[in-house]
All heavy atoms as atom14 arrays in JSON, in Angstrom:
{
  "sequence": "SAVPPSNYLYSIPTYAPQNDPGITLTRDIKIDIYSSQATTY",
  "atom14_mask": [
    [1, 1, 1, 1, 1, 1, 0, 0, 0, 0, 0, 0, 0, 0],
    [1, 1, 1, 1, 1, 0, 0, 0, 0, 0, 0, 0, 0, 0],
    [1, 1, 1, 1, 1, 1, 1, 0, 0, 0, 0, 0, 0, 0],
    [1, 1, 1, 1, 1, 1, 1, 0, 0, 0, 0, 0, 0, 0],
    [1, 1, 1, 1, 1, 1, 1, 0, 0, 0, 0, 0, 0, 0],
    [1, 1, 1, 1, 1, 1, 0, 0, 0, 0, 0, 0, 0, 0],
    [1, 1, 1, 1, 1, 1, 1, 1, 0, 0, 0, 0, 0, 0],
    [1, 1, 1, 1, 1, 1, 1, 1, 1, 1, 1, 1, 0, 0],
    [1, 1, 1, 1, 1, 1, 1, 1, 0, 0, 0, 0, 0, 0],
    [1, 1, 1, 1, 1, 1, 1, 1, 1, 1, 1, 1, 0, 0],
    [1, 1, 1, 1, 1, 1, 0, 0, 0, 0, 0, 0, 0, 0],
    [1, 1, 1, 1, 1, 1, 1, 1, 0, 0, 0, 0, 0, 0],
    [1, 1, 1, 1, 1, 1, 1, 0, 0, 0, 0, 0, 0, 0],
    [1, 1, 1, 1, 1, 1, 1, 0, 0, 0, 0, 0, 0, 0],
    [1, 1, 1, 1, 1, 1, 1, 1, 1, 1, 1, 1, 0, 0],
    [1, 1, 1, 1, 1, 0, 0, 0, 0, 0, 0, 0, 0, 0],
    [1, 1, 1, 1, 1, 1, 1, 0, 0, 0, 0, 0, 0, 0],
    [1, 1, 1, 1, 1, 1, 1, 1, 1, 0, 0, 0, 0, 0],
    [1, 1, 1, 1, 1, 1, 1, 1, 0, 0, 0, 0, 0, 0],
    [1, 1, 1, 1, 1, 1, 1, 1, 0, 0, 0, 0, 0, 0],
    [1, 1, 1, 1, 1, 1, 1, 0, 0, 0, 0, 0, 0, 0],
    [1, 1, 1, 1, 0, 0, 0, 0, 0, 0, 0, 0, 0, 0],
    [1, 1, 1, 1, 1, 1, 1, 1, 0, 0, 0, 0, 0, 0],
    [1, 1, 1, 1, 1, 1, 1, 0, 0, 0, 0, 0, 0, 0],
    [1, 1, 1, 1, 1, 1, 1, 1, 0, 0, 0, 0, 0, 0],
    [1, 1, 1, 1, 1, 1, 1, 0, 0, 0, 0, 0, 0, 0],
    [1, 1, 1, 1, 1, 1, 1, 1, 1, 1, 1, 0, 0, 0],
    [1, 1, 1, 1, 1, 1, 1, 1, 0, 0, 0, 0, 0, 0],
    [1, 1, 1, 1, 1, 1, 1, 1, 0, 0, 0, 0, 0, 0],
    [1, 1, 1, 1, 1, 1, 1, 1, 1, 0, 0, 0, 0, 0],
    [1, 1, 1, 1, 1, 1, 1, 1, 0, 0, 0, 0, 0, 0],
    [1, 1, 1, 1, 1, 1, 1, 1, 0, 0, 0, 0, 0, 0],
    [1, 1, 1, 1, 1, 1, 1, 1, 0, 0, 0, 0, 0, 0],
    [1, 1, 1, 1, 1, 1, 1, 1, 1, 1, 1, 1, 0, 0],
    [1, 1, 1, 1, 1, 1, 0, 0, 0, 0, 0, 0, 0, 0],
    [1, 1, 1, 1, 1, 1, 0, 0, 0, 0, 0, 0, 0, 0],
    [1, 1, 1, 1, 1, 1, 1, 1, 1, 0, 0, 0, 0, 0],
    [1, 1, 1, 1, 1, 0, 0, 0, 0, 0, 0, 0, 0, 0],
    [1, 1, 1, 1, 1, 1, 1, 0, 0, 0, 0, 0, 0, 0],
    [1, 1, 1, 1, 1, 1, 1, 0, 0, 0, 0, 0, 0, 0],
    [1, 1, 1, 1, 1, 1, 1, 1, 1, 1, 1, 1, 0, 0]
  ],
  "atom14_positions": [
    [[80.44, 75.75, 84.57], [79.77, 76.99, 85.07], [80.78, 77.98, 85.63], [80.39, 78.98, 86.22], [78.78, 76.61, 86.18], [79.43, 75.92, 87.23], [0.0, 0.0, 0.0], [0.0, 0.0, 0.0], [0.0, 0.0, 0.0], [0.0, 0.0, 0.0], [0.0, 0.0, 0.0], [0.0, 0.0, 0.0], [0.0, 0.0, 0.0], [0.0, 0.0, 0.0]],
    [[82.09, 77.7, 85.45], [83.12, 78.53, 86.07], [83.25, 79.89, 85.39], [83.34, 79.98, 84.17], [84.45, 77.79, 86.03], [0.0, 0.0, 0.0], [0.0, 0.0, 0.0], [0.0, 0.0, 0.0], [0.0, 0.0, 0.0], [0.0, 0.0, 0.0], [0.0, 0.0, 0.0], [0.0, 0.0, 0.0], [0.0, 0.0, 0.0], [0.0, 0.0, 0.0]],
    [[83.29, 80.92, 86.22], [83.54, 82.28, 85.81], [84.47, 82.87, 86.86], [84.2, 82.74, 88.05], [82.26, 83.11, 85.67], [82.58, 84.55, 85.32], [81.31, 82.51, 84.67], [0.0, 0.0, 0.0], [0.0, 0.0, 0.0], [0.0, 0.0, 0.0], [0.0, 0.0, 0.0], [0.0, 0.0, 0.0], [0.0, 0.0, 0.0], [0.0, 0.0, 0.0]],
    [[85.55, 83.5, 86.48], [86.5, 84.03, 87.49], [85.88, 85.08, 88.39], [84.98, 85.83, 87.94], [87.62, 84.65, 86.61], [87.5, 84.04, 85.3], [86.03, 83.76, 85.12], [0.0, 0.0, 0.0], [0.0, 0.0, 0.0], [0.0, 0.0, 0.0], [0.0, 0.0, 0.0], [0.0, 0.0, 0.0], [0.0, 0.0, 0.0], [0.0, 0.0, 0.0]],
    [[86.29, 85.17, 89.63], [85.81, 86.24, 90.51], [86.31, 87.59, 90.03], [87.19, 87.7, 89.19], [86.41, 85.85, 91.88], [87.58, 84.99, 91.56], [87.23, 84.26, 90.32], [0.0, 0.0, 0.0], [0.0, 0.0, 0.0], [0.0, 0.0, 0.0], [0.0, 0.0, 0.0], [0.0, 0.0, 0.0], [0.0, 0.0, 0.0], [0.0, 0.0, 0.0]],
    [[85.7, 88.64, 90.56], [85.94, 89.99, 90.08], [87.4, 90.42, 90.18], [87.88, 91.22, 89.36], [85.06, 91.01, 90.81], [85.35, 91.0, 92.2], [0.0, 0.0, 0.0], [0.0, 0.0, 0.0], [0.0, 0.0, 0.0], [0.0, 0.0, 0.0], [0.0, 0.0, 0.0], [0.0, 0.0, 0.0], [0.0, 0.0, 0.0], [0.0, 0.0, 0.0]],
    [[88.16, 89.91, 91.15], [89.55, 90.31, 91.3], [90.48, 89.68, 90.27], [91.66, 89.97, 90.26], [90.07, 90.03, 92.71], [89.93, 88.58, 93.11], [88.96, 87.91, 92.79], [90.92, 88.08, 93.84], [0.0, 0.0, 0.0], [0.0, 0.0, 0.0], [0.0, 0.0, 0.0], [0.0, 0.0, 0.0], [0.0, 0.0, 0.0], [0.0, 0.0, 0.0]],
    [[89.92, 88.85, 89.37], [90.69, 88.33, 88.27], [90.27, 88.94, 86.96], [90.7, 88.51, 85.87], [90.55, 86.79, 88.21], [91.36, 86.08, 89.24], [90.9, 85.9, 90.51], [92.63, 85.61, 88.92], [91.65, 85.23, 91.47], [93.4, 84.96, 89.87], [92.89, 84.75, 91.15], [93.68, 84.11, 92.09], [0.0, 0.0, 0.0], [0.0, 0.0, 0.0]],
    [[89.36, 89.91, 87.01], [88.83, 90.56, 85.8], [89.5, 91.92, 85.61], [89.74, 92.67, 86.54], [87.33, 90.74, 85.91], [86.51, 89.47, 86.13], [85.03, 89.79, 86.25], [86.75, 88.43, 85.03], [0.0, 0.0, 0.0], [0.0, 0.0, 0.0], [0.0, 0.0, 0.0], [0.0, 0.0, 0.0], [0.0, 0.0, 0.0], [0.0, 0.0, 0.0]],
    [[89.76, 92.23, 84.32], [90.47, 93.46, 83.98], [89.81, 94.17, 82.81], [89.14, 93.52, 81.98], [91.93, 93.16, 83.63], [92.76, 92.7, 84.8], [92.73, 91.38, 85.2], [93.54, 93.59, 85.53], [93.47, 90.94, 86.27], [94.31, 93.19, 86.62], [94.24, 91.85, 87.0], [94.97, 91.44, 88.08], [0.0, 0.0, 0.0], [0.0, 0.0, 0.0]],
    [[90.07, 95.47, 82.72], [89.67, 96.26, 81.56], [90.86, 96.37, 80.65], [92.0, 96.53, 81.08], [89.2, 97.65, 81.96], [88.06, 97.6, 82.79], [0.0, 0.0, 0.0], [0.0, 0.0, 0.0], [0.0, 0.0, 0.0], [0.0, 0.0, 0.0], [0.0, 0.0, 0.0], [0.0, 0.0, 0.0], [0.0, 0.0, 0.0], [0.0, 0.0, 0.0]],
    [[90.61, 96.26, 79.35], [91.64, 96.46, 78.38], [91.1, 97.48, 77.36], [90.05, 97.2, 76.77], [92.01, 95.15, 77.65], [92.55, 94.11, 78.66], [93.11, 95.39, 76.59], [92.88, 92.76, 78.07], [0.0, 0.0, 0.0], [0.0, 0.0, 0.0], [0.0, 0.0, 0.0], [0.0, 0.0, 0.0], [0.0, 0.0, 0.0], [0.0, 0.0, 0.0]],
    [[91.8, 98.63, 77.16], [93.13, 98.94, 77.65], [93.19, 99.3, 79.16], [92.15, 99.23, 79.8], [93.53, 100.18, 76.82], [92.21, 100.79, 76.44], [91.27, 99.64, 76.27], [0.0, 0.0, 0.0], [0.0, 0.0, 0.0], [0.0, 0.0, 0.0], [0.0, 0.0, 0.0], [0.0, 0.0, 0.0], [0.0, 0.0, 0.0], [0.0, 0.0, 0.0]],
    [[94.39, 99.59, 79.6], [94.71, 99.99, 80.98], [94.59, 98.87, 81.98], [94.22, 99.11, 83.12], [93.86, 101.21, 81.44], [92.49, 100.86, 81.56], [94.04, 102.39, 80.48], [0.0, 0.0, 0.0], [0.0, 0.0, 0.0], [0.0, 0.0, 0.0], [0.0, 0.0, 0.0], [0.0, 0.0, 0.0], [0.0, 0.0, 0.0], [0.0, 0.0, 0.0]],
    [[94.91, 97.63, 81.61], [94.88, 96.56, 82.62], [96.12, 96.6, 83.51], [96.15, 95.93, 84.57], [94.77, 95.19, 81.94], [95.99, 94.68, 81.24], [97.06, 94.09, 81.96], [96.14, 94.75, 79.87], [98.19, 93.59, 81.33], [97.23, 94.25, 79.21], [98.26, 93.65, 79.94], [99.38, 93.19, 79.32], [0.0, 0.0, 0.0], [0.0, 0.0, 0.0]],
    [[97.14, 97.38, 83.17], [98.3, 97.6, 84.01], [98.82, 99.02, 83.71], [98.65, 99.51, 82.6], [99.39, 96.55, 83.7], [0.0, 0.0, 0.0], [0.0, 0.0, 0.0], [0.0, 0.0, 0.0], [0.0, 0.0, 0.0], [0.0, 0.0, 0.0], [0.0, 0.0, 0.0], [0.0, 0.0, 0.0], [0.0, 0.0, 0.0], [0.0, 0.0, 0.0]],
    [[99.45, 99.67, 84.72], [99.95, 101.03, 84.51], [101.19, 101.07, 83.65], [102.0, 100.14, 83.67], [100.23, 101.53, 85.94], [100.5, 100.27, 86.71], [99.61, 99.23, 86.12], [0.0, 0.0, 0.0], [0.0, 0.0, 0.0], [0.0, 0.0, 0.0], [0.0, 0.0, 0.0], [0.0, 0.0, 0.0], [0.0, 0.0, 0.0], [0.0, 0.0, 0.0]],
    [[101.36, 102.12, 82.93], [102.52, 102.27, 82.05], [103.81, 102.43, 82.84], [104.89, 102.0, 82.37], [102.33, 103.51, 81.15], [103.41, 103.72, 80.1], [103.25, 102.81, 78.91], [102.14, 102.32, 78.67], [104.31, 102.59, 78.18], [0.0, 0.0, 0.0], [0.0, 0.0, 0.0], [0.0, 0.0, 0.0], [0.0, 0.0, 0.0], [0.0, 0.0, 0.0]],
    [[103.72, 102.95, 84.05], [104.92, 103.25, 84.84], [105.17, 102.18, 85.9], [105.78, 102.48, 86.93], [104.85, 104.62, 85.43], [103.69, 104.73, 86.42], [102.82, 103.89, 86.48], [103.71, 105.82, 87.2], [0.0, 0.0, 0.0], [0.0, 0.0, 0.0], [0.0, 0.0, 0.0], [0.0, 0.0, 0.0], [0.0, 0.0, 0.0], [0.0, 0.0, 0.0]],
    [[104.73, 100.97, 85.69], [105.07, 99.92, 86.68], [106.59, 99.9, 86.9], [107.34, 99.96, 85.94], [104.64, 98.55, 86.13], [103.2, 98.22, 86.52], [102.55, 99.05, 87.15], [102.77, 97.14, 86.17], [0.0, 0.0, 0.0], [0.0, 0.0, 0.0], [0.0, 0.0, 0.0], [0.0, 0.0, 0.0], [0.0, 0.0, 0.0], [0.0, 0.0, 0.0]],
    [[107.03, 99.79, 88.12], [108.48, 99.88, 88.38], [109.26, 98.71, 87.81], [108.93, 97.55, 88.03], [108.55, 99.9, 89.92], [107.29, 99.26, 90.36], [106.25, 99.62, 89.37], [0.0, 0.0, 0.0], [0.0, 0.0, 0.0], [0.0, 0.0, 0.0], [0.0, 0.0, 0.0], [0.0, 0.0, 0.0], [0.0, 0.0, 0.0], [0.0, 0.0, 0.0]],
    [[110.32, 99.01, 87.1], [111.14, 97.96, 86.51], [112.11, 97.37, 87.5], [112.83, 96.39, 87.19], [0.0, 0.0, 0.0], [0.0, 0.0, 0.0], [0.0, 0.0, 0.0], [0.0, 0.0, 0.0], [0.0, 0.0, 0.0], [0.0, 0.0, 0.0], [0.0, 0.0, 0.0], [0.0, 0.0, 0.0], [0.0, 0.0, 0.0], [0.0, 0.0, 0.0]],
    [[112.14, 97.89, 88.74], [113.08, 97.37, 89.77], [112.48, 96.15, 90.42], [113.12, 95.12, 90.56], [113.42, 98.45, 90.81], [114.14, 99.6, 90.13], [114.26, 97.86, 91.94], [114.43, 100.77, 91.03], [0.0, 0.0, 0.0], [0.0, 0.0, 0.0], [0.0, 0.0, 0.0], [0.0, 0.0, 0.0], [0.0, 0.0, 0.0], [0.0, 0.0, 0.0]],
    [[111.26, 96.28, 90.86], [110.62, 95.17, 91.58], [110.18, 94.05, 90.66], [110.01, 92.89, 91.08], [109.4, 95.66, 92.38], [108.4, 96.12, 91.43], [109.75, 96.78, 93.31], [0.0, 0.0, 0.0], [0.0, 0.0, 0.0], [0.0, 0.0, 0.0], [0.0, 0.0, 0.0], [0.0, 0.0, 0.0], [0.0, 0.0, 0.0], [0.0, 0.0, 0.0]],
    [[109.97, 94.39, 89.36], [109.48, 93.42, 88.38], [108.14, 92.86, 88.81], [107.79, 91.71, 88.44], [110.49, 92.3, 88.17], [111.85, 92.74, 87.66], [112.75, 91.55, 87.39], [111.73, 93.57, 86.42], [0.0, 0.0, 0.0], [0.0, 0.0, 0.0], [0.0, 0.0, 0.0], [0.0, 0.0, 0.0], [0.0, 0.0, 0.0], [0.0, 0.0, 0.0]],
    [[107.38, 93.56, 89.6], [106.07, 93.11, 90.0], [105.05, 93.69, 89.03], [104.88, 94.91, 88.93], [105.74, 93.56, 91.42], [106.71, 93.03, 92.3], [104.38, 93.08, 91.86], [0.0, 0.0, 0.0], [0.0, 0.0, 0.0], [0.0, 0.0, 0.0], [0.0, 0.0, 0.0], [0.0, 0.0, 0.0], [0.0, 0.0, 0.0], [0.0, 0.0, 0.0]],
    [[104.33, 92.81, 88.31], [103.42, 93.22, 87.27], [104.1, 94.22, 86.34], [103.56, 95.25, 85.96], [102.15, 93.87, 87.89], [101.4, 92.96, 88.84], [100.77, 91.81, 88.06], [100.02, 90.96, 88.98], [100.51, 89.83, 89.48], [101.74, 89.49, 89.17], [99.79, 89.07, 90.27], [0.0, 0.0, 0.0], [0.0, 0.0, 0.0], [0.0, 0.0, 0.0]],
    [[105.32, 93.86, 85.94], [106.15, 94.82, 85.26], [105.81, 94.96, 83.77], [105.52, 93.97, 83.12], [107.63, 94.43, 85.4], [108.52, 95.39, 84.69], [108.56, 96.55, 85.1], [109.18, 95.01, 83.7], [0.0, 0.0, 0.0], [0.0, 0.0, 0.0], [0.0, 0.0, 0.0], [0.0, 0.0, 0.0], [0.0, 0.0, 0.0], [0.0, 0.0, 0.0]],
    [[105.88, 96.17, 83.28], [105.86, 96.43, 81.86], [107.18, 97.07, 81.43], [107.86, 96.56, 80.57], [104.7, 97.32, 81.46], [103.37, 96.57, 81.62], [104.82, 97.75, 80.02], [102.14, 97.39, 81.34], [0.0, 0.0, 0.0], [0.0, 0.0, 0.0], [0.0, 0.0, 0.0], [0.0, 0.0, 0.0], [0.0, 0.0, 0.0], [0.0, 0.0, 0.0]],
    [[107.56, 98.16, 82.11], [108.79, 98.83, 81.71], [109.97, 98.14, 82.37], [110.03, 98.03, 83.62], [108.74, 100.33, 82.09], [107.55, 101.05, 81.48], [107.63, 102.54, 81.69], [108.63, 103.17, 80.74], [108.6, 104.64, 80.84], [0.0, 0.0, 0.0], [0.0, 0.0, 0.0], [0.0, 0.0, 0.0], [0.0, 0.0, 0.0], [0.0, 0.0, 0.0]],
    [[110.91, 97.7, 81.59], [112.03, 96.94, 82.12], [113.19, 96.99, 81.15], [113.0, 96.96, 79.94], [111.58, 95.47, 82.38], [112.77, 94.65, 82.92], [111.06, 94.81, 81.12], [112.38, 93.24, 83.28], [0.0, 0.0, 0.0], [0.0, 0.0, 0.0], [0.0, 0.0, 0.0], [0.0, 0.0, 0.0], [0.0, 0.0, 0.0], [0.0, 0.0, 0.0]],
    [[114.4, 97.05, 81.69], [115.62, 97.01, 80.9], [116.24, 95.63, 81.11], [116.83, 95.35, 82.16], [116.57, 98.12, 81.35], [117.83, 98.18, 80.47], [118.1, 97.21, 79.74], [118.5, 99.23, 80.49], [0.0, 0.0, 0.0], [0.0, 0.0, 0.0], [0.0, 0.0, 0.0], [0.0, 0.0, 0.0], [0.0, 0.0, 0.0], [0.0, 0.0, 0.0]],
    [[116.11, 94.75, 80.16], [116.58, 93.4, 80.34], [118.1, 93.29, 80.29], [118.67, 92.27, 80.66], [115.99, 92.47, 79.22], [116.48, 92.92, 77.85], [114.48, 92.46, 79.28], [116.21, 91.94, 76.75], [0.0, 0.0, 0.0], [0.0, 0.0, 0.0], [0.0, 0.0, 0.0], [0.0, 0.0, 0.0], [0.0, 0.0, 0.0], [0.0, 0.0, 0.0]],
    [[118.76, 94.38, 79.82], [120.2, 94.32, 79.68], [120.94, 94.74, 80.95], [121.99, 94.23, 81.28], [120.63, 95.19, 78.5], [119.88, 94.82, 77.24], [118.8, 95.59, 76.8], [120.22, 93.67, 76.52], [118.09, 95.25, 75.65], [119.5, 93.33, 75.38], [118.44, 94.12, 74.96], [117.74, 93.75, 73.85], [0.0, 0.0, 0.0], [0.0, 0.0, 0.0]],
    [[120.34, 95.72, 81.7], [121.04, 96.22, 82.88], [120.45, 95.67, 84.18], [121.08, 95.7, 85.21], [121.01, 97.75, 82.91], [119.68, 98.2, 83.03], [0.0, 0.0, 0.0], [0.0, 0.0, 0.0], [0.0, 0.0, 0.0], [0.0, 0.0, 0.0], [0.0, 0.0, 0.0], [0.0, 0.0, 0.0], [0.0, 0.0, 0.0], [0.0, 0.0, 0.0]],
    [[119.21, 95.18, 84.14], [118.55, 94.72, 85.38], [119.26, 93.46, 85.91], [119.69, 92.58, 85.16], [117.1, 94.41, 85.1], [116.5, 93.83, 86.26], [0.0, 0.0, 0.0], [0.0, 0.0, 0.0], [0.0, 0.0, 0.0], [0.0, 0.0, 0.0], [0.0, 0.0, 0.0], [0.0, 0.0, 0.0], [0.0, 0.0, 0.0], [0.0, 0.0, 0.0]],
    [[119.37, 93.39, 87.24], [119.95, 92.21, 87.91], [118.86, 91.25, 88.39], [119.16, 90.27, 89.06], [120.79, 92.69, 89.09], [121.97, 93.59, 88.7], [122.91, 92.89, 87.72], [123.37, 91.79, 87.95], [123.19, 93.59, 86.62], [0.0, 0.0, 0.0], [0.0, 0.0, 0.0], [0.0, 0.0, 0.0], [0.0, 0.0, 0.0], [0.0, 0.0, 0.0]],
    [[117.63, 91.54, 88.06], [116.52, 90.7, 88.53], [116.64, 89.27, 87.94], [117.16, 89.08, 86.83], [115.19, 91.3, 88.08], [0.0, 0.0, 0.0], [0.0, 0.0, 0.0], [0.0, 0.0, 0.0], [0.0, 0.0, 0.0], [0.0, 0.0, 0.0], [0.0, 0.0, 0.0], [0.0, 0.0, 0.0], [0.0, 0.0, 0.0], [0.0, 0.0, 0.0]],
    [[116.18, 88.32, 88.72], [116.23, 86.93, 88.29], [114.82, 86.33, 88.11], [114.7, 85.15, 87.79], [117.01, 86.08, 89.29], [116.41, 86.19, 90.61], [118.47, 86.54, 89.36], [0.0, 0.0, 0.0], [0.0, 0.0, 0.0], [0.0, 0.0, 0.0], [0.0, 0.0, 0.0], [0.0, 0.0, 0.0], [0.0, 0.0, 0.0], [0.0, 0.0, 0.0]],
    [[113.81, 87.13, 88.35], [112.43, 86.7, 88.14], [111.68, 87.79, 87.41], [112.08, 88.95, 87.38], [111.72, 86.39, 89.48], [111.66, 87.6, 90.25], [112.44, 85.29, 90.23], [0.0, 0.0, 0.0], [0.0, 0.0, 0.0], [0.0, 0.0, 0.0], [0.0, 0.0, 0.0], [0.0, 0.0, 0.0], [0.0, 0.0, 0.0], [0.0, 0.0, 0.0]],
    [[110.55, 87.42, 86.85], [109.71, 88.37, 86.13], [108.27, 87.88, 86.22], [108.0, 86.67, 86.06], [110.13, 88.46, 84.66], [109.23, 89.36, 83.82], [109.52, 90.68, 83.67], [108.11, 88.82, 83.2], [108.69, 91.5, 82.93], [107.29, 89.61, 82.43], [107.58, 90.97, 82.29], [106.77, 91.77, 81.55], [0.0, 0.0, 0.0], [0.0, 0.0, 0.0]]
  ]
}
């Protein structure tokens, strides 16, 4: 009978913004894997 709560539901398209910051890598879409020093994604 499990159905996820509303905060786990998304609309597609636009489930994430195009300009998500590539620095924080939080819910990231835009990212430069060659120059970034991030160690998580």
